[in-house]
Each structure stands twice: as structure tokens, then as C-alpha cells.
């Protein structure tokens, strides 16, 4: 055999493995987008989970000491109920897949979009998006947040078990149905409605449910005197309320940042960083606006207004945290802070008793944030935004009102006068948050 032929054969033999490796490399899928998007959902999810602690601390600080244990009980119970109901029914109502009815009622066993019955899958076969487990975990946190909003408004006079029954309905059906209209590819999504992370789908929805409950429940004893004037009822611990606000602020980075829903490209990661910056700016602007306006109106700055101003700024930017400039996030959040200071006394004039200010923060600021989306997002229109706000608001308010009225008629939703005066901690639970303090 000639030398040239031998050399050619040797080169071919050497090239065969490398050719096989090249073909194998070409065939192998790029798993990085799957990995990083799954990681985004998991990190965002546990940040939003931490918001549950924020709501608990905020509410515990803004109610009187005789009702603190009740608020803490409600918050851990509502999150746990949400986790079960969203798995059992809600996730598949929100993302119905191919079999809507079966998925809606028998989710964990028969749905094409549910988690595997044997447990969370380690990975999905397609590797084209993110793991089902991470998606479920992330979306669950939004469901639980909606219920947390209702808890604070109705504090200090509602019975525990009727409230928790309402949470079952809210997290298992009401929230998943209205959220599916947008995030489940429903009719609002097809119409062009835009709500990036849930100013209306989560926050205003929770506010509408809380408003319905407040109207049925009525104000606390002593909140409004015979002359119609409002009697201030200070909270028990403003340090806890402030801690709760900072925890919520922290959790909101996961709430909005995770709603990018992708972290597999340079562009996605860059967008997440812009969302973080805009979210923070809106919160800061809301706090400063509320601080300055409360000083101007009441001659002294109001801490509770400032705390709720920061939260209103966060709610306001949630509908579109990506498109605005930093200055855009600043003025959108500042308007949210102004809304809180102006609407809290408006609710008192209407004799709607909202203990923690959740209706101004989540409902009214949520509507504002959703309405203003087209100012920076050219794909949205003011008309479509109004349609979405009205549709979601009407559905959640009417259904919530019906549920509250049924609960009131069947089992009663409000504690007795003596129990309310003595405090729900002892009347409903038989334990106090600060027993040494109360005895002294």
C-alpha cells in the first residue's frame, strides 16, 4: 500500500470519532434555558413565599395586641390552604390544557398540565421551557398572595373558620378562573390586555374580595362614633409593621422579576435586572410621596401611610415593571403613594373599615398600575386595560359577595360584641400573643 494511501486511511480513522462527536453535539439540546428558567421560578417563588411572612408581620403590627395571635393564625392557615387548593383544583383551572373540565376538577390525577401523581418530576422530557414543578411552585405563591390581601382588611372582627372557608373558594376557584383569562391564554389575553405580574389579576382581585367582605362584615366596634367621625385605632407594634413592609419589598423582586418567565438568554437576564431596578424605584417613590403628602396634610409625617405608600408603589409598577424608564417607574410609584394618602380617609367617610389599608394599596393602586400600562407599553391600549379591570373586578367582587353572604347566612361571619371587645385571641383561640404584657 502506498504511503499516501496509508496516511489517508489513518486520517479518516482519526476523523471518524471527531465527526461522531460533532454530530452528537449538533443533536444534543441546549439545556441551559431550561436550567436557568427553572432556577428563576424557584428563586422567584421562594422570594414571593417570604412575602407571606411580610403580610403576617405587617398585619400583626397594625392590629391591636388582643388580636395578634388571630392574624398570625390566619396567615399561616391561609397559605397552607392555598397550597393544597391550588394543587387540587386551582392550577388546572388556571392552565386548563386540553381537557378543561377534567383538569379543573380532578387536576392531580387526570390533567395533562398537572404535576405527576408520584411527585414532582426531576425534569420534563421536552426541556423546552422549565420544570412543571418550578412553574407550579411559582404560580402558587401568587394565589396565596391574593388570599393574604383579604386577611388584613377583615381583621379584628371576623370568625376564623368562615374566613378560611372563603380562602378555600378564593384560592381553589375565584383566583384561578380570573387569572386564566389572561395568564392561561384566555379571552383577555387574546384581546390584548396586559398585566405583567398581576396588579389587577392578583392585587386588585384580592382587594375586590376584601371590599366585598368588608361591606358584608361591617366596621369594628368603636371605629366610627355617632357623629360619623372616625376614631383612630392604633396598631400594637409599628416595629413589626415596618419589618413586614421591608420583607414584602424584598419578596417583590421575586414577584416581578420571576414574572419575566425566562432566563435563558442574555436579553432575559438583562430584562430581569431592569425589572428589579424599576420595582425598587417605584417602592421608594411611593414611600417618599406618602411621607411628603402626609406631612403636608396632617402637619406630621405618618409612618403607616409611608409604609403603605411603599407597598402601593410596588403594586402600581407590578402591571408593567419592564417597559418604563427609571423615571417612569418613579412617577408611577409616586402616584401609588399619593393614592394611599388620599383614599384612606375616603374609605372612612364611606364607613368601610379596612384595618391595614389593603383596599387603597392593592385595589385602587392596582387599578392605577394596570390602567397606566399603555403609557410605556405600545402593545397595550387604554380601552383594553379598562375592559380587563372591569371584567376581573366585577367577577371577583360579585362572586366574593355571594360567598360572603352565604357564609353569613349559614354560619355567621362576625364574632359577638363581647368577643370583639375582649379580643379574638382569647375568644376564638384561647391564647394571647403577649400574655405577660396583658396581665401586667
Protein backbone atom coordinates (compact mmCIF):
# COMPACT_ATOMS: atom_id res chain seq x y z
CA UNK A 1 0.00 0.00 0.00
CA UNK A 2 1.32 3.38 -0.93
CA UNK A 3 2.33 5.80 1.82
CA UNK A 4 -0.21 8.40 0.66
CA UNK A 5 -2.99 5.83 0.86
CA UNK A 6 -1.90 4.76 4.36
CA UNK A 7 -1.81 8.36 5.51
CA UNK A 8 -5.25 8.99 4.03
CA UNK A 9 -6.71 5.94 5.76
CA UNK A 10 -5.19 6.95 9.08
CA UNK A 11 -6.58 10.46 8.76
CA UNK A 12 -10.02 9.06 8.02
CA UNK A 13 -9.89 6.78 11.08
CA UNK A 14 -8.87 9.70 13.27
CA UNK A 15 -11.62 11.88 11.83
CA UNK A 16 -14.42 9.34 12.45
CA UNK A 17 -14.65 9.85 16.26
CA UNK A 18 -14.50 13.61 15.91
CA UNK A 19 -17.21 13.53 13.25
CA UNK A 20 -19.37 11.43 15.56
CA UNK A 21 -18.81 13.87 18.41
CA UNK A 22 -19.70 16.80 16.19
CA UNK A 23 -22.92 15.13 15.05
CA UNK A 24 -23.75 14.22 18.65
CA UNK A 25 -23.12 17.82 19.74
CA UNK A 26 -25.40 19.07 17.00
CA UNK A 27 -28.14 16.70 18.09
CA UNK A 28 -27.89 17.46 21.84
CA UNK A 29 -30.45 20.03 23.00
CA UNK A 30 -29.36 23.25 24.69
CA UNK A 31 -30.39 22.63 28.28
CA UNK A 32 -29.23 26.00 29.62
CA UNK A 33 -32.51 27.88 29.02
CA UNK A 34 -34.39 25.08 30.80
CA UNK A 35 -32.00 25.15 33.76
CA UNK A 36 -31.91 28.92 34.19
CA UNK A 37 -35.64 29.46 33.71
CA UNK A 38 -36.37 26.72 36.23
CA UNK A 39 -33.92 28.39 38.61
CA UNK A 40 -35.66 31.75 38.07
CA UNK A 41 -39.00 30.22 39.02
CA UNK A 42 -37.58 28.58 42.13
CA UNK A 43 -35.72 31.67 43.36
CA UNK A 44 -38.64 33.94 42.49
CA UNK A 45 -41.02 31.51 44.16
CA UNK A 46 -39.25 31.39 47.49
CA UNK A 47 -38.89 35.17 47.49
CA UNK A 48 -42.65 35.50 46.99
CA UNK A 49 -43.15 32.88 49.69
CA UNK A 50 -41.24 35.17 52.04
CA UNK A 51 -43.95 37.76 51.36
CA UNK A 52 -46.26 35.54 53.44
CA UNK A 53 -44.08 36.41 56.42
CA UNK A 54 -44.26 40.06 55.39
CA UNK A 55 -48.05 40.05 55.36
CA UNK A 56 -48.11 38.30 58.73
CA UNK A 57 -45.76 40.82 60.34
CA UNK A 58 -47.50 43.82 58.75
CA UNK A 59 -50.91 42.68 59.95
CA UNK A 60 -49.66 41.67 63.39
CA UNK A 61 -48.21 45.15 63.81
CA UNK A 62 -51.28 47.04 62.61
CA UNK A 63 -53.90 45.24 64.72
CA UNK A 64 -54.32 45.66 68.46
CA UNK A 65 -52.41 43.31 70.74
CA UNK A 66 -55.59 41.41 71.65
CA UNK A 67 -55.94 40.24 68.03
CA UNK A 68 -52.33 39.48 67.04
CA UNK A 69 -52.49 35.71 67.51
CA UNK A 70 -55.58 35.54 65.32
CA UNK A 71 -53.83 37.35 62.47
CA UNK A 72 -50.81 35.08 62.70
CA UNK A 73 -53.06 32.00 62.72
CA UNK A 74 -54.99 33.25 59.69
CA UNK A 75 -51.82 33.91 57.74
CA UNK A 76 -50.19 30.52 58.21
CA UNK A 77 -53.53 28.76 57.68
CA UNK A 78 -54.44 30.65 54.50
CA UNK A 79 -51.07 29.93 52.90
CA UNK A 80 -51.35 26.25 53.72
CA UNK A 81 -54.92 26.06 52.40
CA UNK A 82 -53.86 27.88 49.22
CA UNK A 83 -51.06 25.37 48.66
CA UNK A 84 -53.48 22.44 48.85
CA UNK A 85 -56.35 24.01 46.89
CA UNK A 86 -54.10 25.29 44.12
CA UNK A 87 -52.69 21.79 43.70
CA UNK A 88 -56.07 20.09 43.94
CA UNK A 89 -58.08 22.39 41.67
CA UNK A 90 -56.63 25.83 41.02
CA UNK A 91 -53.54 25.14 38.91
CA UNK A 92 -55.54 23.24 36.33
CA UNK A 93 -58.38 25.74 36.24
CA UNK A 94 -55.81 28.42 35.56
CA UNK A 95 -53.93 26.39 32.92
CA UNK A 96 -56.61 24.04 31.60
CA UNK A 97 -54.60 22.40 28.80
CA UNK A 98 -56.62 20.15 26.52
CA UNK A 99 -59.23 18.79 28.92
CA UNK A 100 -60.72 21.78 30.73
CA UNK A 101 -63.45 20.14 32.78
CA UNK A 102 -61.49 17.07 33.83
CA UNK A 103 -58.40 19.16 34.51
CA UNK A 104 -60.40 21.61 36.55
CA UNK A 105 -61.94 19.14 38.97
CA UNK A 106 -59.55 16.21 39.01
CA UNK A 107 -56.31 18.08 38.49
CA UNK A 108 -53.61 16.00 40.17
CA UNK A 109 -54.82 12.71 38.64
CA UNK A 110 -56.17 13.37 35.15
CA UNK A 111 -54.83 16.69 33.88
CA UNK A 112 -52.30 16.97 31.09
CA UNK A 113 -50.84 20.02 32.80
CA UNK A 114 -50.67 18.78 36.39
CA UNK A 115 -47.69 17.51 38.31
CA UNK A 116 -47.01 13.81 38.06
CA UNK A 117 -49.02 11.80 40.66
CA UNK A 118 -45.87 10.19 42.01
CA UNK A 119 -44.36 13.55 42.88
CA UNK A 120 -42.55 16.44 41.28
CA UNK A 121 -40.73 15.41 38.13
CA UNK A 122 -36.97 15.83 38.19
CA UNK A 123 -37.13 17.19 34.66
CA UNK A 124 -39.51 17.32 31.75
CA UNK A 125 -38.81 15.31 28.65
CA UNK A 126 -39.04 18.23 26.26
CA UNK A 127 -36.57 20.52 28.07
CA UNK A 128 -38.05 23.40 26.09
CA UNK A 129 -39.18 25.68 28.92
CA UNK A 130 -38.91 24.92 32.65
CA UNK A 131 -39.87 22.12 35.00
CA UNK A 132 -43.56 21.74 35.80
CA UNK A 133 -42.69 21.65 39.49
CA UNK A 134 -40.99 25.04 39.40
CA UNK A 135 -43.83 26.59 37.39
CA UNK A 136 -46.45 25.23 39.80
CA UNK A 137 -44.44 26.41 42.82
CA UNK A 138 -44.04 29.93 41.42
CA UNK A 139 -47.68 30.33 40.39
CA UNK A 140 -48.90 29.01 43.75
CA UNK A 141 -47.24 31.93 45.52
CA UNK A 142 -49.35 34.42 43.56
CA UNK A 143 -52.50 32.53 44.51
CA UNK A 144 -51.59 32.66 48.20
CA UNK A 145 -50.78 36.36 47.97
CA UNK A 146 -54.33 37.09 46.80
CA UNK A 147 -55.71 35.50 49.97
CA UNK A 148 -53.26 37.36 52.20
CA UNK A 149 -54.67 40.67 50.98
CA UNK A 150 -58.14 39.78 52.25
CA UNK A 151 -56.89 38.84 55.72
CA UNK A 152 -55.73 42.30 56.76
CA UNK A 153 -58.85 44.18 55.70
CA UNK A 154 -61.20 41.98 57.72
CA UNK A 155 -59.06 41.81 60.85
CA UNK A 156 -60.30 42.15 64.43
CA UNK A 157 -63.94 41.11 63.91
CA UNK A 158 -64.21 38.08 61.61
CA UNK A 159 -64.51 34.48 62.79
CA UNK A 160 -61.65 32.17 61.88
CA UNK A 161 -63.48 29.30 60.19
CA UNK A 162 -65.76 31.28 57.87
CA UNK A 163 -62.70 33.22 56.74
CA UNK A 164 -60.80 30.01 56.00
CA UNK A 165 -63.77 28.59 54.08
CA UNK A 166 -63.73 31.72 51.94
CA UNK A 167 -60.00 31.17 51.35
CA UNK A 168 -60.81 27.67 50.05
CA UNK A 169 -63.16 29.15 47.45
CA UNK A 170 -60.88 32.07 46.60
CA UNK A 171 -57.73 30.02 46.03
CA UNK A 172 -59.42 26.97 44.53
CA UNK A 173 -61.77 28.73 42.10
CA UNK A 174 -62.13 32.52 42.10
CA UNK A 175 -58.49 33.49 41.59
CA UNK A 176 -57.61 30.65 39.16
CA UNK A 177 -60.61 31.39 36.94
CA UNK A 178 -59.98 35.12 36.55
CA UNK A 179 -56.22 34.63 36.24
CA UNK A 180 -56.78 32.08 33.47
CA UNK A 181 -58.43 34.79 31.39
CA UNK A 182 -55.00 36.35 31.00
CA UNK A 183 -52.20 34.02 32.06
CA UNK A 184 -53.98 30.85 30.95
CA UNK A 185 -54.33 32.15 27.40
CA UNK A 186 -57.97 33.13 27.89
CA UNK A 187 -60.12 35.81 26.31
CA UNK A 188 -58.40 38.80 27.93
CA UNK A 189 -55.04 37.61 26.66
CA UNK A 190 -56.45 37.24 23.16
CA UNK A 191 -57.96 40.73 23.40
CA UNK A 192 -54.56 42.25 24.21
CA UNK A 193 -55.00 43.01 27.90
CA UNK A 194 -51.62 43.44 29.63
CA UNK A 195 -50.83 42.76 33.29
CA UNK A 196 -47.20 41.68 33.56
CA UNK A 197 -47.12 40.40 37.14
CA UNK A 198 -50.61 40.95 38.47
CA UNK A 199 -51.53 44.49 39.54
CA UNK A 200 -55.14 43.55 38.76
CA UNK A 201 -55.01 39.76 38.45
CA UNK A 202 -53.55 39.36 41.94
CA UNK A 203 -53.65 42.62 43.88
CA UNK A 204 -56.86 44.29 42.70
CA UNK A 205 -58.55 40.87 42.74
CA UNK A 206 -57.60 40.42 46.38
CA UNK A 207 -58.77 43.98 47.03
CA UNK A 208 -62.17 43.35 45.44
CA UNK A 209 -62.62 40.20 47.54
CA UNK A 210 -61.63 42.17 50.64
CA UNK A 211 -64.02 45.01 49.76
CA UNK A 212 -66.94 42.60 49.41
CA UNK A 213 -66.08 41.07 52.77
CA UNK A 214 -65.76 44.46 54.47
CA UNK A 215 -69.19 45.55 53.20
CA UNK A 216 -70.87 42.38 54.48
CA UNK A 217 -68.92 42.31 57.75
CA UNK A 218 -69.27 45.96 58.75
CA UNK A 219 -66.82 48.14 60.69
CA UNK A 220 -65.23 47.36 64.04
CA UNK A 221 -66.98 48.43 67.22
CA UNK A 222 -65.92 51.98 68.07
CA UNK A 223 -64.35 52.74 64.68
CA UNK A 224 -66.99 55.37 63.86
CA UNK A 225 -68.83 57.36 66.52
CA UNK A 226 -72.44 58.55 66.44
CA UNK A 227 -71.45 61.78 64.75
CA UNK A 228 -69.92 59.84 61.90
CA UNK A 229 -66.37 60.82 62.81
CA UNK A 230 -63.56 58.30 62.53
CA UNK A 231 -61.94 57.15 65.76
CA UNK A 232 -58.27 56.22 65.21
CA UNK A 233 -57.41 52.70 66.41
CA UNK A 234 -53.60 52.45 66.58
CA UNK A 235 -51.83 49.20 65.88
CA UNK A 236 -49.95 47.27 68.52
CA UNK A 237 -46.43 47.24 67.09
CA UNK A 238 -45.18 49.59 64.38
CA UNK A 239 -41.77 47.92 64.51
CA UNK A 240 -43.37 44.68 63.29
CA UNK A 241 -45.34 46.58 60.66
CA UNK A 242 -42.15 48.18 59.37
CA UNK A 243 -40.37 44.82 59.31
CA UNK A 244 -43.28 43.36 57.39
CA UNK A 245 -43.08 46.13 54.82
CA UNK A 246 -39.38 45.57 54.21
CA UNK A 247 -39.98 41.81 53.86
CA UNK A 248 -42.72 42.48 51.31
CA UNK A 249 -40.41 44.88 49.47
CA UNK A 250 -37.76 42.16 49.30
CA UNK A 251 -40.22 39.50 48.16
CA UNK A 252 -41.48 41.77 45.39
CA UNK A 253 -38.23 41.35 43.47
CA UNK A 254 -39.21 37.70 43.04
CA UNK A 255 -42.82 38.64 42.35
CA UNK A 256 -41.97 40.94 39.45
CA UNK A 257 -38.58 39.57 38.41
CA UNK A 258 -39.78 35.99 38.22
CA UNK A 259 -42.68 37.11 36.04
CA UNK A 260 -40.23 37.60 33.19
CA UNK A 261 -40.82 33.81 32.91
CA UNK A 262 -37.50 33.22 31.13
CA UNK A 263 -33.82 33.50 32.00
CA UNK A 264 -32.20 31.51 29.22
CA UNK A 265 -30.73 34.37 27.19
CA UNK A 266 -28.67 37.49 27.74
CA UNK A 267 -31.74 39.56 26.89
CA UNK A 268 -33.88 37.80 29.50
CA UNK A 269 -31.32 38.29 32.26
CA UNK A 270 -30.95 41.93 31.31
CA UNK A 271 -34.71 42.37 31.44
CA UNK A 272 -34.85 40.81 34.91
CA UNK A 273 -32.27 43.33 36.12
CA UNK A 274 -34.33 46.21 34.69
CA UNK A 275 -37.42 44.84 36.42
CA UNK A 276 -35.57 44.78 39.74
CA UNK A 277 -34.42 48.39 39.32
CA UNK A 278 -37.88 49.65 38.31
CA UNK A 279 -39.56 47.74 41.13
CA UNK A 280 -37.24 49.25 43.70
CA UNK A 281 -37.64 52.76 42.30
CA UNK A 282 -41.43 52.60 42.38
CA UNK A 283 -41.42 51.46 46.02
CA UNK A 284 -39.05 54.22 47.03
CA UNK A 285 -41.07 56.85 45.20
CA UNK A 286 -44.32 55.64 46.74
CA UNK A 287 -42.85 55.86 50.23
CA UNK A 288 -41.44 59.36 49.71
CA UNK A 289 -44.65 60.63 48.11
CA UNK A 290 -46.76 59.33 51.00
CA UNK A 291 -44.29 60.75 53.54
CA UNK A 292 -44.37 64.23 51.99
CA UNK A 293 -48.12 64.30 51.41
CA UNK A 294 -48.95 63.13 54.94
CA UNK A 295 -46.67 65.89 56.26
CA UNK A 296 -48.46 68.46 54.09
CA UNK A 297 -51.97 67.31 55.03
CA UNK A 298 -51.55 66.42 58.70
CA UNK A 299 -48.57 68.61 59.67
CA UNK A 300 -46.71 65.49 60.76
CA UNK A 301 -45.40 62.56 58.74
CA UNK A 302 -47.37 59.35 59.19
CA UNK A 303 -45.38 56.10 59.40
CA UNK A 304 -48.29 53.84 58.48
CA UNK A 305 -49.04 55.98 55.42
CA UNK A 306 -45.37 55.82 54.44
CA UNK A 307 -45.28 52.04 54.78
CA UNK A 308 -48.43 51.65 52.71
CA UNK A 309 -47.08 54.20 50.24
CA UNK A 310 -44.11 51.95 49.55
CA UNK A 311 -46.44 48.98 49.06
CA UNK A 312 -48.73 50.98 46.79
CA UNK A 313 -45.72 51.94 44.69
CA UNK A 314 -44.87 48.26 44.36
CA UNK A 315 -48.42 47.34 43.39
CA UNK A 316 -48.54 50.18 40.86
CA UNK A 317 -45.42 49.05 38.97
CA UNK A 318 -46.37 45.37 39.01
CA UNK A 319 -48.55 45.59 35.89
CA UNK A 320 -45.58 46.76 33.79
CA UNK A 321 -42.20 46.68 35.57
CA UNK A 322 -40.11 46.18 32.41
CA UNK A 323 -41.02 48.83 29.84
CA UNK A 324 -40.78 52.10 31.84
CA UNK A 325 -37.59 54.07 32.36
CA UNK A 326 -36.43 54.60 35.92
CA UNK A 327 -38.11 57.99 35.84
CA UNK A 328 -41.28 56.32 34.59
CA UNK A 329 -41.16 53.86 37.49
CA UNK A 330 -40.61 56.79 39.85
CA UNK A 331 -43.72 58.74 38.87
CA UNK A 332 -45.91 55.65 38.56
CA UNK A 333 -44.90 54.57 42.07
CA UNK A 334 -45.27 58.11 43.44
CA UNK A 335 -48.86 58.28 42.22
CA UNK A 336 -49.46 55.00 44.06
CA UNK A 337 -48.19 56.57 47.28
CA UNK A 338 -50.44 59.58 46.77
CA UNK A 339 -53.42 57.30 46.17
CA UNK A 340 -52.96 55.72 49.61
CA UNK A 341 -52.89 59.02 51.50
CA UNK A 342 -55.98 60.31 49.70
CA UNK A 343 -58.11 57.17 49.68
CA UNK A 344 -57.69 56.00 53.28
CA UNK A 345 -59.80 58.90 54.60
CA UNK A 346 -62.20 58.45 51.67
CA UNK A 347 -62.94 54.90 52.83
CA UNK A 348 -63.53 56.18 56.35
CA UNK A 349 -66.09 58.67 55.02
CA UNK A 350 -67.86 55.72 53.40
CA UNK A 351 -67.56 53.83 56.71
CA UNK A 352 -65.65 50.99 55.08
CA UNK A 353 -63.34 49.71 57.80
CA UNK A 354 -60.06 48.46 56.30
CA UNK A 355 -57.76 47.70 59.22
CA UNK A 356 -54.42 47.62 57.37
CA UNK A 357 -55.24 49.77 54.32
CA UNK A 358 -55.25 46.86 51.87
CA UNK A 359 -58.03 48.28 49.70
CA UNK A 360 -56.17 51.52 48.87
CA UNK A 361 -52.85 49.70 48.46
CA UNK A 362 -53.92 46.66 46.48
CA UNK A 363 -57.26 47.51 44.88
CA UNK A 364 -57.01 51.18 43.96
CA UNK A 365 -53.26 51.30 43.32
CA UNK A 366 -53.62 48.02 41.41
CA UNK A 367 -56.22 49.58 39.13
CA UNK A 368 -53.97 52.61 38.63
CA UNK A 369 -50.96 50.49 37.75
CA UNK A 370 -52.91 48.40 35.27
CA UNK A 371 -54.55 51.40 33.62
CA UNK A 372 -51.27 53.26 33.02
CA UNK A 373 -49.53 50.34 31.26
CA UNK A 374 -50.06 51.79 27.73
CA UNK A 375 -48.02 54.86 28.67
CA UNK A 376 -44.91 52.74 28.17
CA UNK A 377 -46.14 49.53 26.51
CA UNK A 378 -47.22 50.26 22.94
CA UNK A 379 -48.82 46.83 22.59
CA UNK A 380 -51.47 47.72 25.18
CA UNK A 381 -54.40 50.13 24.85
CA UNK A 382 -56.29 52.08 27.49
CA UNK A 383 -59.61 50.69 26.27
CA UNK A 384 -58.48 47.08 26.61
CA UNK A 385 -56.98 47.76 30.03
CA UNK A 386 -60.28 49.20 31.23
CA UNK A 387 -62.18 46.18 29.90
CA UNK A 388 -59.84 43.84 31.78
CA UNK A 389 -60.06 45.79 35.03
CA UNK A 390 -63.86 45.95 34.90
CA UNK A 391 -64.25 42.28 33.95
CA UNK A 392 -61.94 40.98 36.66
CA UNK A 393 -63.30 43.39 39.25
CA UNK A 394 -66.93 42.56 38.54
CA UNK A 395 -66.34 38.81 38.57
CA UNK A 396 -64.29 38.72 41.78
CA UNK A 397 -66.48 41.22 43.63
CA UNK A 398 -69.81 39.60 42.72
CA UNK A 399 -68.71 36.03 43.37
CA UNK A 400 -66.98 37.04 46.61
CA UNK A 401 -70.08 38.92 47.75
CA UNK A 402 -72.23 35.86 47.11
CA UNK A 403 -69.84 33.62 49.06
CA UNK A 404 -69.67 36.07 51.99
CA UNK A 405 -73.48 36.39 52.10
CA UNK A 406 -73.90 32.60 52.07
CA UNK A 407 -71.38 32.20 54.87
CA UNK A 408 -73.11 34.94 56.86
CA UNK A 409 -76.49 33.28 56.46
CA UNK A 410 -75.32 29.73 57.14
CA UNK A 411 -72.84 30.10 60.00
CA UNK A 412 -72.27 33.78 60.68
CA UNK A 413 -69.01 35.51 59.89
CA UNK A 414 -68.66 38.01 62.72
CA UNK A 415 -67.80 37.35 66.35
CA UNK A 416 -70.12 38.59 69.10
CA UNK A 417 -69.82 42.04 70.62
CA UNK A 418 -68.30 40.78 73.86
CA UNK A 419 -65.77 38.62 71.99
CA UNK A 420 -64.76 41.52 69.77
CA UNK A 421 -64.26 43.85 72.73
CA UNK A 422 -62.22 41.28 74.65
CA UNK A 423 -60.20 40.34 71.59
CA UNK A 424 -60.29 37.47 69.12
CA UNK A 425 -57.16 35.88 70.55
CA UNK A 426 -58.92 34.68 73.67
CA UNK A 427 -62.43 34.41 72.20
CA UNK A 428 -61.51 32.35 69.15
CA UNK A 429 -58.16 30.77 70.07
CA UNK A 430 -57.79 30.86 73.84
CA UNK A 431 -54.25 32.21 73.70
CA UNK A 432 -52.60 35.61 73.51
CA UNK A 433 -49.57 36.87 71.64
CA UNK A 434 -48.36 38.92 74.61
CA UNK A 435 -49.71 37.19 77.74
CA UNK A 436 -47.23 38.75 80.19
CA UNK A 437 -47.95 42.22 78.83
CA UNK A 438 -51.73 41.86 79.09
CA UNK A 439 -51.59 40.52 82.65
CA UNK A 440 -49.34 43.34 83.81
